[in-house]
């Protein structure tokens, strides 16, 4: 059985995200929302950079929707 890992999904709504605190709590993986429909997430680049500098593995995703364009 493979060992599970701790990860979080963050967007501009988690403005208080602190990679050092997350690492101390065992969070090694961060999934960053890069945009919502056609709107860029204003904190995505900042979050990704901070997470990488803290040693976390970073993934990104775009939330696609046709409801709010």
N, C-alpha and C. Protein backbone atom coordinates (compact mmCIF):
# COMPACT_ATOMS: atom_id res chain seq x y z
N UNK A 1 0.84 -1.18 0.00
CA UNK A 1 0.00 0.00 0.00
C UNK A 1 0.89 1.24 0.00
N UNK A 2 0.56 2.20 -0.86
CA UNK A 2 1.34 3.43 -0.92
C UNK A 2 0.98 4.35 0.23
N UNK A 3 1.97 5.10 0.66
CA UNK A 3 1.78 6.06 1.73
C UNK A 3 1.03 7.29 1.19
N UNK A 4 0.04 7.74 1.92
CA UNK A 4 -0.71 8.94 1.53
C UNK A 4 0.14 10.18 1.78
N UNK A 5 -0.16 11.23 1.06
CA UNK A 5 0.54 12.49 1.28
C UNK A 5 -0.45 13.59 1.61
N UNK A 6 0.06 14.62 2.27
CA UNK A 6 -0.76 15.77 2.64
C UNK A 6 -0.60 16.86 1.59
N UNK A 7 -1.74 17.36 1.12
CA UNK A 7 -1.71 18.45 0.17
C UNK A 7 -2.90 19.37 0.38
N UNK A 8 -2.78 20.58 -0.14
CA UNK A 8 -3.86 21.56 -0.04
C UNK A 8 -4.14 22.18 -1.39
N UNK A 9 -5.34 22.67 -1.55
CA UNK A 9 -5.79 23.38 -2.74
C UNK A 9 -6.00 24.83 -2.31
N UNK A 10 -5.30 25.77 -2.96
CA UNK A 10 -5.42 27.16 -2.55
C UNK A 10 -5.76 28.07 -3.74
N UNK A 11 -6.41 29.17 -3.40
CA UNK A 11 -6.73 30.21 -4.37
C UNK A 11 -6.68 31.54 -3.64
N UNK A 12 -7.08 32.61 -4.30
CA UNK A 12 -7.03 33.93 -3.67
C UNK A 12 -7.87 34.00 -2.39
N UNK A 13 -8.77 33.05 -2.23
CA UNK A 13 -9.62 33.03 -1.03
C UNK A 13 -8.87 32.56 0.21
N UNK A 14 -7.70 32.00 0.03
CA UNK A 14 -6.85 31.60 1.16
C UNK A 14 -5.66 32.56 1.26
N UNK A 15 -5.95 33.84 1.33
CA UNK A 15 -4.91 34.88 1.33
C UNK A 15 -3.94 34.73 2.50
N UNK A 16 -4.35 34.06 3.56
CA UNK A 16 -3.48 33.90 4.73
C UNK A 16 -2.55 32.68 4.61
N UNK A 17 -2.52 32.03 3.45
CA UNK A 17 -1.65 30.86 3.25
C UNK A 17 -0.22 31.20 3.62
N UNK A 18 0.38 30.36 4.45
CA UNK A 18 1.76 30.54 4.87
C UNK A 18 2.49 29.22 4.63
N UNK A 19 3.41 29.17 3.66
CA UNK A 19 4.06 27.90 3.35
C UNK A 19 4.89 27.32 4.49
N UNK A 20 5.49 28.17 5.30
CA UNK A 20 6.28 27.65 6.43
C UNK A 20 5.38 26.94 7.44
N UNK A 21 4.24 27.54 7.72
CA UNK A 21 3.28 26.91 8.64
C UNK A 21 2.76 25.61 8.04
N UNK A 22 2.44 25.63 6.75
CA UNK A 22 1.94 24.42 6.09
C UNK A 22 2.98 23.31 6.14
N UNK A 23 4.24 23.63 5.85
CA UNK A 23 5.31 22.62 5.90
C UNK A 23 5.44 22.05 7.31
N UNK A 24 5.36 22.91 8.32
CA UNK A 24 5.46 22.45 9.71
C UNK A 24 4.33 21.49 10.07
N UNK A 25 3.20 21.62 9.36
CA UNK A 25 2.06 20.74 9.61
C UNK A 25 2.06 19.53 8.68
N UNK A 26 3.13 19.36 7.92
CA UNK A 26 3.28 18.18 7.07
C UNK A 26 2.71 18.32 5.67
N UNK A 27 2.32 19.51 5.27
CA UNK A 27 1.78 19.72 3.91
C UNK A 27 2.94 19.88 2.95
N UNK A 28 3.12 18.90 2.08
CA UNK A 28 4.25 18.90 1.14
C UNK A 28 3.81 19.19 -0.30
N UNK A 29 2.51 19.24 -0.55
CA UNK A 29 2.00 19.42 -1.90
C UNK A 29 0.95 20.52 -1.91
N UNK A 30 1.05 21.41 -2.90
CA UNK A 30 0.12 22.53 -3.02
C UNK A 30 -0.43 22.56 -4.44
N UNK A 31 -1.75 22.62 -4.55
CA UNK A 31 -2.41 22.76 -5.84
C UNK A 31 -2.95 24.19 -5.89
N UNK A 32 -2.45 24.99 -6.82
CA UNK A 32 -2.79 26.39 -6.91
C UNK A 32 -3.79 26.62 -8.06
N UNK A 33 -4.90 27.27 -7.75
CA UNK A 33 -5.85 27.64 -8.80
C UNK A 33 -5.26 28.82 -9.56
N UNK A 34 -5.10 28.68 -10.87
CA UNK A 34 -4.50 29.74 -11.67
C UNK A 34 -5.54 30.71 -12.22
N UNK A 35 -6.74 30.22 -12.45
CA UNK A 35 -7.81 31.11 -12.91
C UNK A 35 -9.18 30.50 -12.67
N UNK A 36 -10.17 31.39 -12.72
CA UNK A 36 -11.58 31.00 -12.57
C UNK A 36 -12.27 31.52 -13.82
N UNK A 37 -12.71 30.61 -14.68
CA UNK A 37 -13.26 30.97 -15.99
C UNK A 37 -12.20 31.79 -16.73
N UNK A 38 -12.50 33.00 -17.11
CA UNK A 38 -11.53 33.81 -17.86
C UNK A 38 -10.77 34.81 -16.97
N UNK A 39 -10.94 34.70 -15.67
CA UNK A 39 -10.31 35.64 -14.74
C UNK A 39 -9.11 34.98 -14.05
N UNK A 40 -7.96 35.61 -14.15
CA UNK A 40 -6.76 35.08 -13.49
C UNK A 40 -6.88 35.22 -11.98
N UNK A 41 -6.37 34.23 -11.27
CA UNK A 41 -6.33 34.30 -9.81
C UNK A 41 -5.19 35.25 -9.44
N UNK A 42 -5.48 36.30 -8.72
CA UNK A 42 -4.52 37.36 -8.44
C UNK A 42 -3.37 36.93 -7.54
N UNK A 43 -3.49 35.83 -6.82
CA UNK A 43 -2.43 35.40 -5.92
C UNK A 43 -1.71 34.13 -6.38
N UNK A 44 -2.09 33.58 -7.52
CA UNK A 44 -1.54 32.30 -7.96
C UNK A 44 -0.02 32.32 -8.09
N UNK A 45 0.53 33.28 -8.78
CA UNK A 45 1.98 33.33 -8.98
C UNK A 45 2.72 33.50 -7.65
N UNK A 46 2.19 34.35 -6.79
CA UNK A 46 2.79 34.58 -5.47
C UNK A 46 2.77 33.30 -4.64
N UNK A 47 1.64 32.60 -4.63
CA UNK A 47 1.52 31.34 -3.90
C UNK A 47 2.48 30.29 -4.43
N UNK A 48 2.53 30.13 -5.75
CA UNK A 48 3.38 29.11 -6.36
C UNK A 48 4.85 29.36 -6.03
N UNK A 49 5.29 30.60 -6.15
CA UNK A 49 6.68 30.96 -5.85
C UNK A 49 7.01 30.67 -4.39
N UNK A 50 6.15 31.11 -3.48
CA UNK A 50 6.38 30.91 -2.05
C UNK A 50 6.42 29.43 -1.69
N UNK A 51 5.51 28.66 -2.27
CA UNK A 51 5.47 27.22 -1.98
C UNK A 51 6.73 26.53 -2.48
N UNK A 52 7.17 26.86 -3.69
CA UNK A 52 8.39 26.25 -4.23
C UNK A 52 9.60 26.62 -3.38
N UNK A 53 9.68 27.88 -2.96
CA UNK A 53 10.79 28.31 -2.12
C UNK A 53 10.79 27.60 -0.77
N UNK A 54 9.62 27.20 -0.30
CA UNK A 54 9.50 26.49 0.97
C UNK A 54 9.77 24.99 0.81
N UNK A 55 9.93 24.54 -0.44
CA UNK A 55 10.21 23.13 -0.68
C UNK A 55 8.99 22.28 -0.95
N UNK A 56 7.86 22.91 -1.15
CA UNK A 56 6.64 22.16 -1.44
C UNK A 56 6.56 21.86 -2.95
N UNK A 57 5.95 20.74 -3.28
CA UNK A 57 5.68 20.41 -4.67
C UNK A 57 4.44 21.18 -5.09
N UNK A 58 4.50 21.84 -6.24
CA UNK A 58 3.41 22.71 -6.67
C UNK A 58 2.78 22.20 -7.96
N UNK A 59 1.46 22.16 -7.96
CA UNK A 59 0.67 21.86 -9.13
C UNK A 59 -0.28 23.03 -9.35
N UNK A 60 -0.81 23.15 -10.54
CA UNK A 60 -1.77 24.21 -10.81
C UNK A 60 -2.96 23.68 -11.58
N UNK A 61 -4.06 24.41 -11.50
CA UNK A 61 -5.23 24.04 -12.27
C UNK A 61 -6.03 25.29 -12.63
N UNK A 62 -6.75 25.19 -13.72
CA UNK A 62 -7.66 26.25 -14.15
C UNK A 62 -9.08 25.76 -13.93
N UNK A 63 -9.87 26.55 -13.22
CA UNK A 63 -11.26 26.19 -12.96
C UNK A 63 -12.09 26.71 -14.14
N UNK A 64 -12.55 25.79 -14.95
CA UNK A 64 -13.31 26.17 -16.14
C UNK A 64 -14.81 26.12 -15.86
N UNK A 65 -15.49 27.17 -16.23
CA UNK A 65 -16.94 27.23 -16.07
C UNK A 65 -17.53 28.11 -17.16
N UNK A 66 -18.71 27.85 -17.53
CA UNK A 66 -19.37 28.68 -18.54
C UNK A 66 -20.42 29.60 -17.88
N UNK A 67 -20.58 29.50 -16.59
CA UNK A 67 -21.61 30.27 -15.89
C UNK A 67 -21.24 31.74 -15.73
N UNK A 68 -19.97 32.01 -15.47
CA UNK A 68 -19.56 33.38 -15.16
C UNK A 68 -18.44 33.80 -16.09
N UNK A 69 -18.76 34.42 -17.17
CA UNK A 69 -17.71 34.85 -18.10
C UNK A 69 -17.67 36.35 -18.22
